[in-house]
Amino acid sequence: MLKNGRVYPGNPMLLTLAISDDNGSPVDPATVQLKLISPCGRETSFVYTTSDELLRVSAGQYTADIVPDNAGRWHARWETTGPVVVQEDSFIVLTSPFSSDCYRDYV
């Protein structure tokens, strides 16, 4: 689901989803949505066909090109219908002295 390597605030990263039927053949669901929760608790949703960040690469293959803006642990959840797939993961964005983080807003 996640690309390898170090991620800093402001660096784009690619999230991927692969969907197949019981026989292992790629299949396109009726809907595809990606939800992200930032370390600050802000939730963002991306929906295939309405969000430029979420793309269909080929049958059953979807990617989301996102740019995390804060350091810390991010949570990602893919949700689809027809077939129903729920896939969750998390990733850590490293601290950079060149970017603000969400907790500085409260100081």
PDB file of N, CA and C in Angstrom:
ATOM      1  N   MET A   1       0.809  -1.195   0.000  1.00  0.00           N
ATOM      2  CA  MET A   1       0.000   0.000   0.000  1.00  0.00           C
ATOM      3  C   MET A   1       0.853   1.259   0.000  1.00  0.00           C
ATOM      4  N   LEU A   2       1.981   1.238   0.694  1.00  0.00           N
ATOM      5  CA  LEU A   2       2.800   2.439   0.813  1.00  0.00           C
ATOM      6  C   LEU A   2       4.120   2.269   0.089  1.00  0.00           C
ATOM      7  N   LYS A   3       4.649   3.368  -0.408  1.00  0.00           N
ATOM      8  CA  LYS A   3       5.963   3.305  -1.041  1.00  0.00           C
ATOM      9  C   LYS A   3       7.037   3.289   0.042  1.00  0.00           C
ATOM     10  N   ASN A   4       8.175   2.737  -0.282  1.00  0.00           N
ATOM     11  CA  ASN A   4       9.280   2.701   0.665  1.00  0.00           C
ATOM     12  C   ASN A   4      10.037   4.013   0.662  1.00  0.00           C
ATOM     13  N   GLY A   5      10.786   4.248   1.721  1.00  0.00           N
ATOM     14  CA  GLY A   5      11.631   5.424   1.779  1.00  0.00           C
ATOM     15  C   GLY A   5      11.194   6.388   2.860  1.00  0.00           C
ATOM     16  N   ARG A   6      11.991   7.408   3.064  1.00  0.00           N
ATOM     17  CA  ARG A   6      11.702   8.413   4.072  1.00  0.00           C
ATOM     18  C   ARG A   6      10.755   9.457   3.510  1.00  0.00           C
ATOM     19  N   VAL A   7       9.812   9.840   4.338  1.00  0.00           N
ATOM     20  CA  VAL A   7       8.842  10.839   3.935  1.00  0.00           C
ATOM     21  C   VAL A   7       8.931  12.006   4.915  1.00  0.00           C
ATOM     22  N   TYR A   8       9.022  13.208   4.371  1.00  0.00           N
ATOM     23  CA  TYR A   8       9.046  14.430   5.167  1.00  0.00           C
ATOM     24  C   TYR A   8       7.834  15.271   4.789  1.00  0.00           C
ATOM     25  N   PRO A   9       7.411  16.174   5.673  1.00  0.00           N
ATOM     26  CA  PRO A   9       6.285  17.048   5.319  1.00  0.00           C
ATOM     27  C   PRO A   9       6.555  17.760   3.992  1.00  0.00           C
ATOM     28  N   GLY A  10       5.560  17.770   3.126  1.00  0.00           N
ATOM     29  CA  GLY A  10       5.687  18.420   1.825  1.00  0.00           C
ATOM     30  C   GLY A  10       6.169  17.521   0.708  1.00  0.00           C
ATOM     31  N   ASN A  11       6.653  16.304   1.053  1.00  0.00           N
ATOM     32  CA  ASN A  11       7.085  15.348   0.028  1.00  0.00           C
ATOM     33  C   ASN A  11       5.900  14.510  -0.433  1.00  0.00           C
ATOM     34  N   PRO A  12       5.685  14.405  -1.740  1.00  0.00           N
ATOM     35  CA  PRO A  12       4.595  13.561  -2.214  1.00  0.00           C
ATOM     36  C   PRO A  12       4.898  12.092  -1.956  1.00  0.00           C
ATOM     37  N   MET A  13       3.853  11.339  -1.736  1.00  0.00           N
ATOM     38  CA  MET A  13       4.001   9.889  -1.605  1.00  0.00           C
ATOM     39  C   MET A  13       2.829   9.213  -2.286  1.00  0.00           C
ATOM     40  N   LEU A  14       3.038   7.974  -2.684  1.00  0.00           N
ATOM     41  CA  LEU A  14       2.053   7.238  -3.451  1.00  0.00           C
ATOM     42  C   LEU A  14       1.486   6.104  -2.606  1.00  0.00           C
ATOM     43  N   LEU A  15       0.157   6.082  -2.460  1.00  0.00           N
ATOM     44  CA  LEU A  15      -0.538   4.988  -1.803  1.00  0.00           C
ATOM     45  C   LEU A  15      -1.204   4.155  -2.894  1.00  0.00           C
ATOM     46  N   THR A  16      -1.222   2.835  -2.734  1.00  0.00           N
ATOM     47  CA  THR A  16      -1.774   1.968  -3.770  1.00  0.00           C
ATOM     48  C   THR A  16      -2.796   0.998  -3.195  1.00  0.00           C
ATOM     49  N   LEU A  17      -3.708   0.577  -4.048  1.00  0.00           N
ATOM     50  CA  LEU A  17      -4.718  -0.416  -3.693  1.00  0.00           C
ATOM     51  C   LEU A  17      -4.871  -1.367  -4.870  1.00  0.00           C
ATOM     52  N   ALA A  18      -4.856  -2.672  -4.591  1.00  0.00           N
ATOM     53  CA  ALA A  18      -5.088  -3.703  -5.605  1.00  0.00           C
ATOM     54  C   ALA A  18      -6.296  -4.524  -5.171  1.00  0.00           C
ATOM     55  N   ILE A  19      -7.255  -4.694  -6.071  1.00  0.00           N
ATOM     56  CA  ILE A  19      -8.478  -5.424  -5.773  1.00  0.00           C
ATOM     57  C   ILE A  19      -8.628  -6.567  -6.763  1.00  0.00           C
ATOM     58  N   SER A  20      -8.936  -7.762  -6.232  1.00  0.00           N
ATOM     59  CA  SER A  20      -9.151  -8.919  -7.102  1.00  0.00           C
ATOM     60  C   SER A  20     -10.326  -9.745  -6.586  1.00  0.00           C
ATOM     61  N   ASP A  21     -10.870 -10.575  -7.468  1.00  0.00           N
ATOM     62  CA  ASP A  21     -11.973 -11.447  -7.066  1.00  0.00           C
ATOM     63  C   ASP A  21     -11.408 -12.708  -6.419  1.00  0.00           C
ATOM     64  N   ASP A  22     -12.279 -13.659  -6.108  1.00  0.00           N
ATOM     65  CA  ASP A  22     -11.857 -14.890  -5.430  1.00  0.00           C
ATOM     66  C   ASP A  22     -10.892 -15.726  -6.259  1.00  0.00           C
ATOM     67  N   ASN A  23     -10.900 -15.536  -7.574  1.00  0.00           N
ATOM     68  CA  ASN A  23      -9.988 -16.268  -8.462  1.00  0.00           C
ATOM     69  C   ASN A  23      -8.665 -15.547  -8.674  1.00  0.00           C
ATOM     70  N   GLY A  24      -8.518 -14.350  -8.074  1.00  0.00           N
ATOM     71  CA  GLY A  24      -7.288 -13.588  -8.227  1.00  0.00           C
ATOM     72  C   GLY A  24      -7.272 -12.674  -9.428  1.00  0.00           C
ATOM     73  N   SER A  25      -8.388 -12.588 -10.145  1.00  0.00           N
ATOM     74  CA  SER A  25      -8.472 -11.692 -11.305  1.00  0.00           C
ATOM     75  C   SER A  25      -8.771 -10.270 -10.842  1.00  0.00           C
ATOM     76  N   PRO A  26      -8.108  -9.264 -11.422  1.00  0.00           N
ATOM     77  CA  PRO A  26      -8.376  -7.881 -11.040  1.00  0.00           C
ATOM     78  C   PRO A  26      -9.826  -7.499 -11.319  1.00  0.00           C
ATOM     79  N   VAL A  27     -10.403  -6.730 -10.427  1.00  0.00           N
ATOM     80  CA  VAL A  27     -11.789  -6.311 -10.583  1.00  0.00           C
ATOM     81  C   VAL A  27     -11.941  -4.869 -10.104  1.00  0.00           C
ATOM     82  N   ASP A  28     -12.761  -4.111 -10.818  1.00  0.00           N
ATOM     83  CA  ASP A  28     -13.033  -2.733 -10.435  1.00  0.00           C
ATOM     84  C   ASP A  28     -14.284  -2.673  -9.559  1.00  0.00           C
ATOM     85  N   PRO A  29     -14.187  -2.036  -8.397  1.00  0.00           N
ATOM     86  CA  PRO A  29     -15.356  -1.894  -7.536  1.00  0.00           C
ATOM     87  C   PRO A  29     -16.266  -0.775  -8.031  1.00  0.00           C
ATOM     88  N   ALA A  30     -17.471  -0.713  -7.480  1.00  0.00           N
ATOM     89  CA  ALA A  30     -18.415   0.350  -7.841  1.00  0.00           C
ATOM     90  C   ALA A  30     -17.917   1.705  -7.346  1.00  0.00           C
ATOM     91  N   THR A  31     -17.353   1.743  -6.139  1.00  0.00           N
ATOM     92  CA  THR A  31     -16.806   2.994  -5.587  1.00  0.00           C
ATOM     93  C   THR A  31     -15.467   2.720  -4.936  1.00  0.00           C
ATOM     94  N   VAL A  32     -14.602   3.732  -4.947  1.00  0.00           N
ATOM     95  CA  VAL A  32     -13.302   3.664  -4.270  1.00  0.00           C
ATOM     96  C   VAL A  32     -13.112   4.971  -3.524  1.00  0.00           C
ATOM     97  N   GLN A  33     -12.803   4.857  -2.238  1.00  0.00           N
ATOM     98  CA  GLN A  33     -12.564   6.043  -1.416  1.00  0.00           C
ATOM     99  C   GLN A  33     -11.341   5.797  -0.545  1.00  0.00           C
ATOM    100  N   LEU A  34     -10.530   6.845  -0.376  1.00  0.00           N
ATOM    101  CA  LEU A  34      -9.387   6.815   0.524  1.00  0.00           C
ATOM    102  C   LEU A  34      -9.610   7.873   1.586  1.00  0.00           C
ATOM    103  N   LYS A  35      -9.497   7.476   2.855  1.00  0.00           N
ATOM    104  CA  LYS A  35      -9.591   8.421   3.964  1.00  0.00           C
ATOM    105  C   LYS A  35      -8.237   8.498   4.651  1.00  0.00           C
ATOM    106  N   LEU A  36      -7.815   9.721   4.954  1.00  0.00           N
ATOM    107  CA  LEU A  36      -6.576   9.946   5.687  1.00  0.00           C
ATOM    108  C   LEU A  36      -6.884  10.684   6.978  1.00  0.00           C
ATOM    109  N   ILE A  37      -6.185  10.314   8.043  1.00  0.00           N
ATOM    110  CA  ILE A  37      -6.244  11.076   9.284  1.00  0.00           C
ATOM    111  C   ILE A  37      -4.822  11.517   9.603  1.00  0.00           C
ATOM    112  N   SER A  38      -4.640  12.828   9.728  1.00  0.00           N
ATOM    113  CA  SER A  38      -3.321  13.400  10.010  1.00  0.00           C
ATOM    114  C   SER A  38      -2.986  13.215  11.492  1.00  0.00           C
ATOM    115  N   PRO A  39      -1.732  13.444  11.857  1.00  0.00           N
ATOM    116  CA  PRO A  39      -1.359  13.372  13.272  1.00  0.00           C
ATOM    117  C   PRO A  39      -2.133  14.370  14.137  1.00  0.00           C
ATOM    118  N   CYS A  40      -2.672  15.416  13.542  1.00  0.00           N
ATOM    119  CA  CYS A  40      -3.448  16.422  14.255  1.00  0.00           C
ATOM    120  C   CYS A  40      -4.919  16.013  14.399  1.00  0.00           C
ATOM    121  N   GLY A  41      -5.312  14.897  13.764  1.00  0.00           N
ATOM    122  CA  GLY A  41      -6.689  14.433  13.830  1.00  0.00           C
ATOM    123  C   GLY A  41      -7.581  14.939  12.709  1.00  0.00           C
ATOM    124  N   ARG A  42      -7.012  15.633  11.728  1.00  0.00           N
ATOM    125  CA  ARG A  42      -7.785  16.153  10.595  1.00  0.00           C
ATOM    126  C   ARG A  42      -8.025  15.030   9.590  1.00  0.00           C
ATOM    127  N   GLU A  43      -9.292  14.804   9.236  1.00  0.00           N
ATOM    128  CA  GLU A  43      -9.625  13.757   8.273  1.00  0.00           C
ATOM    129  C   GLU A  43      -9.857  14.349   6.888  1.00  0.00           C
ATOM    130  N   THR A  44      -9.295  13.691   5.880  1.00  0.00           N
ATOM    131  CA  THR A  44      -9.456  14.088   4.487  1.00  0.00           C
ATOM    132  C   THR A  44      -9.900  12.867   3.701  1.00  0.00           C
ATOM    133  N   SER A  45     -10.836  13.046   2.774  1.00  0.00           N
ATOM    134  CA  SER A  45     -11.318  11.947   1.946  1.00  0.00           C
ATOM    135  C   SER A  45     -11.058  12.233   0.478  1.00  0.00           C
ATOM    136  N   PHE A  46     -10.719  11.187  -0.247  1.00  0.00           N
ATOM    137  CA  PHE A  46     -10.524  11.250  -1.686  1.00  0.00           C
ATOM    138  C   PHE A  46     -11.425  10.187  -2.304  1.00  0.00           C
ATOM    139  N   VAL A  47     -12.155  10.543  -3.345  1.00  0.00           N
ATOM    140  CA  VAL A  47     -13.088   9.630  -3.995  1.00  0.00           C
ATOM    141  C   VAL A  47     -12.724   9.530  -5.473  1.00  0.00           C
ATOM    142  N   TYR A  48     -12.624   8.267  -5.956  1.00  0.00           N
ATOM    143  CA  TYR A  48     -12.321   8.070  -7.372  1.00  0.00           C
ATOM    144  C   TYR A  48     -13.430   8.695  -8.211  1.00  0.00           C
ATOM    145  N   THR A  49     -13.063   9.391  -9.229  1.00  0.00           N
ATOM    146  CA  THR A  49     -13.852  10.148 -10.210  1.00  0.00           C
ATOM    147  C   THR A  49     -14.132  11.582  -9.770  1.00  0.00           C
ATOM    148  N   THR A  50     -13.965  11.902  -8.485  1.00  0.00           N
ATOM    149  CA  THR A  50     -14.182  13.294  -8.076  1.00  0.00           C
ATOM    150  C   THR A  50     -12.931  13.936  -7.481  1.00  0.00           C
ATOM    151  N   SER A  51     -11.920  13.152  -7.136  1.00  0.00           N
ATOM    152  CA  SER A  51     -10.670  13.678  -6.576  1.00  0.00           C
ATOM    153  C   SER A  51      -9.530  13.442  -7.552  1.00  0.00           C
ATOM    154  N   ASP A  52      -8.835  14.514  -7.904  1.00  0.00           N
ATOM    155  CA  ASP A  52      -7.723  14.399  -8.848  1.00  0.00           C
ATOM    156  C   ASP A  52      -6.586  13.522  -8.313  1.00  0.00           C
ATOM    157  N   GLU A  53      -6.454  13.416  -6.990  1.00  0.00           N
ATOM    158  CA  GLU A  53      -5.358  12.667  -6.385  1.00  0.00           C
ATOM    159  C   GLU A  53      -5.522  11.157  -6.523  1.00  0.00           C
ATOM    160  N   LEU A  54      -6.752  10.688  -6.699  1.00  0.00           N
ATOM    161  CA  LEU A  54      -7.028   9.249  -6.732  1.00  0.00           C
ATOM    162  C   LEU A  54      -7.278   8.816  -8.180  1.00  0.00           C
ATOM    163  N   LEU A  55      -6.441   7.889  -8.654  1.00  0.00           N
ATOM    164  CA  LEU A  55      -6.492   7.468 -10.060  1.00  0.00           C
ATOM    165  C   LEU A  55      -6.620   5.963 -10.197  1.00  0.00           C
ATOM    166  N   ARG A  56      -7.268   5.547 -11.263  1.00  0.00           N
ATOM    167  CA  ARG A  56      -7.306   4.133 -11.663  1.00  0.00           C
ATOM    168  C   ARG A  56      -6.152   3.914 -12.628  1.00  0.00           C
ATOM    169  N   VAL A  57      -5.258   3.005 -12.293  1.00  0.00           N
ATOM    170  CA  VAL A  57      -4.094   2.715 -13.128  1.00  0.00           C
ATOM    171  C   VAL A  57      -4.447   1.664 -14.179  1.00  0.00           C
ATOM    172  N   SER A  58      -5.141   0.627 -13.749  1.00  0.00           N
ATOM    173  CA  SER A  58      -5.622  -0.443 -14.626  1.00  0.00           C
ATOM    174  C   SER A  58      -6.711  -1.184 -13.855  1.00  0.00           C
ATOM    175  N   ALA A  59      -7.250  -2.245 -14.440  1.00  0.00           N
ATOM    176  CA  ALA A  59      -8.318  -2.982 -13.770  1.00  0.00           C
ATOM    177  C   ALA A  59      -7.886  -3.385 -12.362  1.00  0.00           C
ATOM    178  N   GLY A  60      -8.657  -2.971 -11.362  1.00  0.00           N
ATOM    179  CA  GLY A  60      -8.387  -3.325  -9.977  1.00  0.00           C
ATOM    180  C   GLY A  60      -7.203  -2.634  -9.337  1.00  0.00           C
ATOM    181  N   GLN A  61      -6.548  -1.713 -10.029  1.00  0.00           N
ATOM    182  CA  GLN A  61      -5.351  -1.027  -9.516  1.00  0.00           C
ATOM    183  C   GLN A  61      -5.626   0.467  -9.359  1.00  0.00           C
ATOM    184  N   TYR A  62      -5.475   0.977  -8.147  1.00  0.00           N
ATOM    185  CA  TYR A  62      -5.738   2.391  -7.857  1.00  0.00           C
ATOM    186  C   TYR A  62      -4.563   2.981  -7.097  1.00  0.00           C
ATOM    187  N   THR A  63      -4.297   4.257  -7.351  1.00  0.00           N
ATOM    188  CA  THR A  63      -3.245   4.965  -6.627  1.00  0.00           C
ATOM    189  C   THR A  63      -3.766   6.309  -6.151  1.00  0.00           C
ATOM    190  N   ALA A  64      -3.165   6.781  -5.080  1.00  0.00           N
ATOM    191  CA  ALA A  64      -3.463   8.119  -4.579  1.00  0.00           C
ATOM    192  C   ALA A  64      -2.138   8.819  -4.340  1.00  0.00           C
ATOM    193  N   ASP A  65      -1.961   9.962  -4.967  1.00  0.00           N
ATOM    194  CA  ASP A  65      -0.755  10.763  -4.822  1.00  0.00           C
ATOM    195  C   ASP A  65      -1.064  11.845  -3.799  1.00  0.00           C
ATOM    196  N   ILE A  66      -0.509  11.687  -2.594  1.00  0.00           N
ATOM    197  CA  ILE A  66      -0.816  12.628  -1.520  1.00  0.00           C
ATOM    198  C   ILE A  66       0.444  13.357  -1.074  1.00  0.00           C
ATOM    199  N   VAL A  67       0.251  14.480  -0.384  1.00  0.00           N
ATOM    200  CA  VAL A  67       1.366  15.258   0.138  1.00  0.00           C
ATOM    201  C   VAL A  67       1.098  15.535   1.615  1.00  0.00           C
ATOM    202  N   PRO A  68       1.655  14.715   2.520  1.00  0.00           N
ATOM    203  CA  PRO A  68       1.464  14.956   3.945  1.00  0.00           C
ATOM    204  C   PRO A  68       2.078  16.293   4.342  1.00  0.00           C
ATOM    205  N   ASP A  69       1.342  17.059   5.164  1.00  0.00           N
ATOM    206  CA  ASP A  69       1.828  18.386   5.527  1.00  0.00           C
ATOM    207  C   ASP A  69       2.308  18.500   6.971  1.00  0.00           C
ATOM    208  N   ASN A  70       2.234  17.406   7.743  1.00  0.00           N
ATOM    209  CA  ASN A  70       2.677  17.428   9.131  1.00  0.00           C
ATOM    210  C   ASN A  70       3.456  16.165   9.458  1.00  0.00           C
ATOM    211  N   ALA A  71       4.414  16.296  10.373  1.00  0.00           N
ATOM    212  CA  ALA A  71       5.158  15.139  10.854  1.00  0.00           C
ATOM    213  C   ALA A  71       4.299  14.353  11.829  1.00  0.00           C
ATOM    214  N   GLY A  72       4.560  13.057  11.915  1.00  0.00           N
ATOM    215  CA  GLY A  72       3.862  12.190  12.848  1.00  0.00           C
ATOM    216  C   GLY A  72       3.243  11.003  12.140  1.00  0.00           C
ATOM    217  N   ARG A  73       2.441  10.230  12.897  1.00  0.00           N
ATOM    218  CA  ARG A  73       1.799   9.039  12.338  1.00  0.00           C
ATOM    219  C   ARG A  73       0.504   9.422  11.637  1.00  0.00           C
ATOM    220  N   TRP A  74       0.404   9.026  10.376  1.00  0.00           N
ATOM    221  CA  TRP A  74      -0.792   9.196   9.548  1.00  0.00           C
ATOM    222  C   TRP A  74      -1.497   7.855   9.429  1.00  0.00           C
ATOM    223  N   HIS A  75      -2.813   7.887   9.324  1.00  0.00           N
ATOM    224  CA  HIS A  75      -3.604   6.679   9.144  1.00  0.00           C
ATOM    225  C   HIS A  75      -4.332   6.774   7.804  1.00  0.00           C
ATOM    226  N   ALA A  76      -4.329   5.663   7.079  1.00  0.00           N
ATOM    227  CA  ALA A  76      -4.978   5.601   5.764  1.00  0.00           C
ATOM    228  C   ALA A  76      -5.963   4.444   5.758  1.00  0.00           C
ATOM    229  N   ARG A  77      -7.133   4.678   5.142  1.00  0.00           N
ATOM    230  CA  ARG A  77      -8.155   3.631   5.033  1.00  0.00           C
ATOM    231  C   ARG A  77      -8.774   3.685   3.642  1.00  0.00           C
ATOM    232  N   TRP A  78      -8.613   2.596   2.884  1.00  0.00           N
ATOM    233  CA  TRP A  78      -9.275   2.432   1.600  1.00  0.00           C
ATOM    234  C   TRP A  78     -10.617   1.758   1.853  1.00  0.00           C
ATOM    235  N   GLU A  79     -11.680   2.253   1.227  1.00  0.00           N
ATOM    236  CA  GLU A  79     -13.000   1.638   1.317  1.00  0.00           C
ATOM    237  C   GLU A  79     -13.572   1.528  -0.096  1.00  0.00           C
ATOM    238  N   THR A  80     -14.115   0.357  -0.423  1.00  0.00           N
ATOM    239  CA  THR A  80     -14.750   0.165  -1.728  1.00  0.00           C
ATOM    240  C   THR A  80     -16.094  -0.534  -1.532  1.00  0.00           C
ATOM    241  N   THR A  81     -16.913  -0.471  -2.572  1.00  0.00           N
ATOM    242  CA  THR A  81     -18.161  -1.241  -2.601  1.00  0.00           C
ATOM    243  C   THR A  81     -18.205  -1.997  -3.917  1.00  0.00           C
ATOM    244  N   GLY A  82     -18.795  -3.183  -3.855  1.00  0.00           N
ATOM    245  CA  GLY A  82     -19.000  -4.005  -5.053  1.00  0.00           C
ATOM    246  C   GLY A  82     -17.746  -4.380  -5.806  1.00  0.00           C
ATOM    247  N   PRO A  83     -16.810  -5.138  -5.290  1.00  0.00           N
ATOM    248  CA  PRO A  83     -16.775  -5.855  -4.034  1.00  0.00           C
ATOM    249  C   PRO A  83     -16.363  -4.953  -2.872  1.00  0.00           C
ATOM    250  N   VAL A  84     -16.772  -5.361  -1.676  1.00  0.00           N
ATOM    251  CA  VAL A  84     -16.437  -4.586  -0.478  1.00  0.00           C
ATOM    252  C   VAL A  84     -15.016  -4.925  -0.049  1.00  0.00           C
ATOM    253  N   VAL A  85     -14.199  -3.895   0.040  1.00  0.00           N
ATOM    254  CA  VAL A  85     -12.823  -4.031   0.514  1.00  0.00           C
ATOM    255  C   VAL A  85     -12.575  -2.910   1.508  1.00  0.00           C
ATOM    256  N   VAL A  86     -11.999  -3.255   2.638  1.00  0.00           N
ATOM    257  CA  VAL A  86     -11.545  -2.256   3.604  1.00  0.00           C
ATOM    258  C   VAL A  86     -10.100  -2.612   3.919  1.00  0.00           C
ATOM    259  N   GLN A  87      -9.221  -1.658   3.686  1.00  0.00           N
ATOM    260  CA  GLN A  87      -7.795  -1.882   3.930  1.00  0.00           C
ATOM    261  C   GLN A  87      -7.255  -0.680   4.686  1.00  0.00           C
ATOM    262  N   GLU A  88      -6.629  -0.931   5.828  1.00  0.00           N
ATOM    263  CA  GLU A  88      -6.069   0.153   6.633  1.00  0.00           C
ATOM    264  C   GLU A  88      -4.570  -0.018   6.784  1.00  0.00           C
ATOM    265  N   ASP A  89      -3.896   1.111   6.931  1.00  0.00           N
ATOM    266  CA  ASP A  89      -2.458   1.118   7.153  1.00  0.00           C
ATOM    267  C   ASP A  89      -2.107   2.439   7.817  1.00  0.00           C
ATOM    268  N   SER A  90      -0.885   2.553   8.257  1.00  0.00           N
ATOM    269  CA  SER A  90      -0.409   3.828   8.795  1.00  0.00           C
ATOM    270  C   SER A  90       1.030   4.023   8.331  1.00  0.00           C
ATOM    271  N   PHE A  91       1.465   5.257   8.374  1.00  0.00           N
ATOM    272  CA  PHE A  91       2.833   5.575   7.992  1.00  0.00           C
ATOM    273  C   PHE A  91       3.299   6.755   8.810  1.00  0.00           C
ATOM    274  N   ILE A  92       4.601   6.881   8.934  1.00  0.00           N
ATOM    275  CA  ILE A  92       5.178   7.967   9.730  1.00  0.00           C
ATOM    276  C   ILE A  92       5.858   8.955   8.804  1.00  0.00           C
ATOM    277  N   VAL A  93       5.523  10.222   9.002  1.00  0.00           N
ATOM    278  CA  VAL A  93       6.180  11.319   8.305  1.00  0.00           C
ATOM    279  C   VAL A  93       7.198  11.888   9.289  1.00  0.00           C
ATOM    280  N   LEU A  94       8.442  11.950   8.856  1.00  0.00           N
ATOM    281  CA  LEU A  94       9.524  12.379   9.732  1.00  0.00           C
ATOM    282  C   LEU A  94       9.504  13.889   9.971  1.00  0.00           C
ATOM    283  N   THR A  95      10.014  14.286  11.100  1.00  0.00           N
ATOM    284  CA  THR A  95      10.099  15.704  11.451  1.00  0.00           C
ATOM    285  C   THR A  95      11.183  16.378  10.620  1.00  0.00           C
ATOM    286  N   SER A  96      10.891  17.582  10.159  1.00  0.00           N
ATOM    287  CA  SER A  96      11.860  18.390   9.431  1.00  0.00           C
ATOM    288  C   SER A  96      11.906  19.771  10.068  1.00  0.00           C
ATOM    289  N   PRO A  97      13.100  20.312  10.286  1.00  0.00           N
ATOM    290  CA  PRO A  97      13.180  21.658  10.848  1.00  0.00           C
ATOM    291  C   PRO A  97      12.703  22.732   9.867  1.00  0.00           C
ATOM    292  N   PHE A  98      12.455  22.343   8.617  1.00  0.00           N
ATOM    293  CA  PHE A  98      12.035  23.294   7.597  1.00  0.00           C
ATOM    294  C   PHE A  98      10.525  23.368   7.424  1.00  0.00           C
ATOM    295  N   SER A  99       9.785  22.610   8.224  1.00  0.00           N
ATOM    296  CA  SER A  99       8.336  22.669   8.111  1.00  0.00           C
ATOM    297  C   SER A  99       7.724  22.822   9.492  1.00  0.00           C
ATOM    298  N   SER A 100       6.561  23.432   9.519  1.00  0.00           N
ATOM    299  CA  SER A 100       5.868  23.559  10.788  1.00  0.00           C
ATOM    300  C   SER A 100       5.156  22.257  11.075  1.00  0.00           C
ATOM    301  N   ASP A 101       4.887  22.009  12.341  1.00  0.00           N
ATOM    302  CA  ASP A 101       4.048  20.859  12.627  1.00  0.00           C
ATOM    303  C   ASP A 101       2.792  21.332  13.337  1.00  0.00           C
ATOM    304  N   CYS A 102       1.785  20.499  13.373  1.00  0.00           N
ATOM    305  CA  CYS A 102       0.467  20.907  13.839  1.00  0.00           C
ATOM    306  C   CYS A 102       0.466  21.363  15.283  1.00  0.00           C
ATOM    307  N   TYR A 103       1.417  20.901  16.073  1.00  0.00           N
ATOM    308  CA  TYR A 103       1.392  21.263  17.488  1.00  0.00           C
ATOM    309  C   TYR A 103       1.943  22.663  17.740  1.00  0.00           C
ATOM    310  N   ARG A 104       2.716  23.182  16.828  1.00  0.00           N
ATOM    311  CA  ARG A 104       3.224  24.547  16.985  1.00  0.00           C
ATOM    312  C   ARG A 104       2.115  25.578  16.893  1.00  0.00           C
ATOM    313  N   ASP A 105       1.015  25.221  16.233  1.00  0.00           N
ATOM    314  CA  ASP A 105      -0.103  26.147  16.102  1.00  0.00           C
ATOM    315  C   ASP A 105      -0.744  26.474  17.445  1.00  0.00           C
ATOM    316  N   TYR A 106      -0.528  25.597  18.432  1.00  0.00           N
ATOM    317  CA  TYR A 106      -1.177  25.765  19.724  1.00  0.00           C
ATOM    318  C   TYR A 106      -0.263  26.383  20.762  1.00  0.00           C
ATOM    319  N   VAL A 107       0.974  26.661  20.419  1.00  0.00           N
ATOM    320  CA  VAL A 107       1.941  27.223  21.375  1.00  0.00           C
ATOM    321  C   VAL A 107       1.818  28.733  21.417  1.00  0.00           C
TER     322      VAL A 107
END
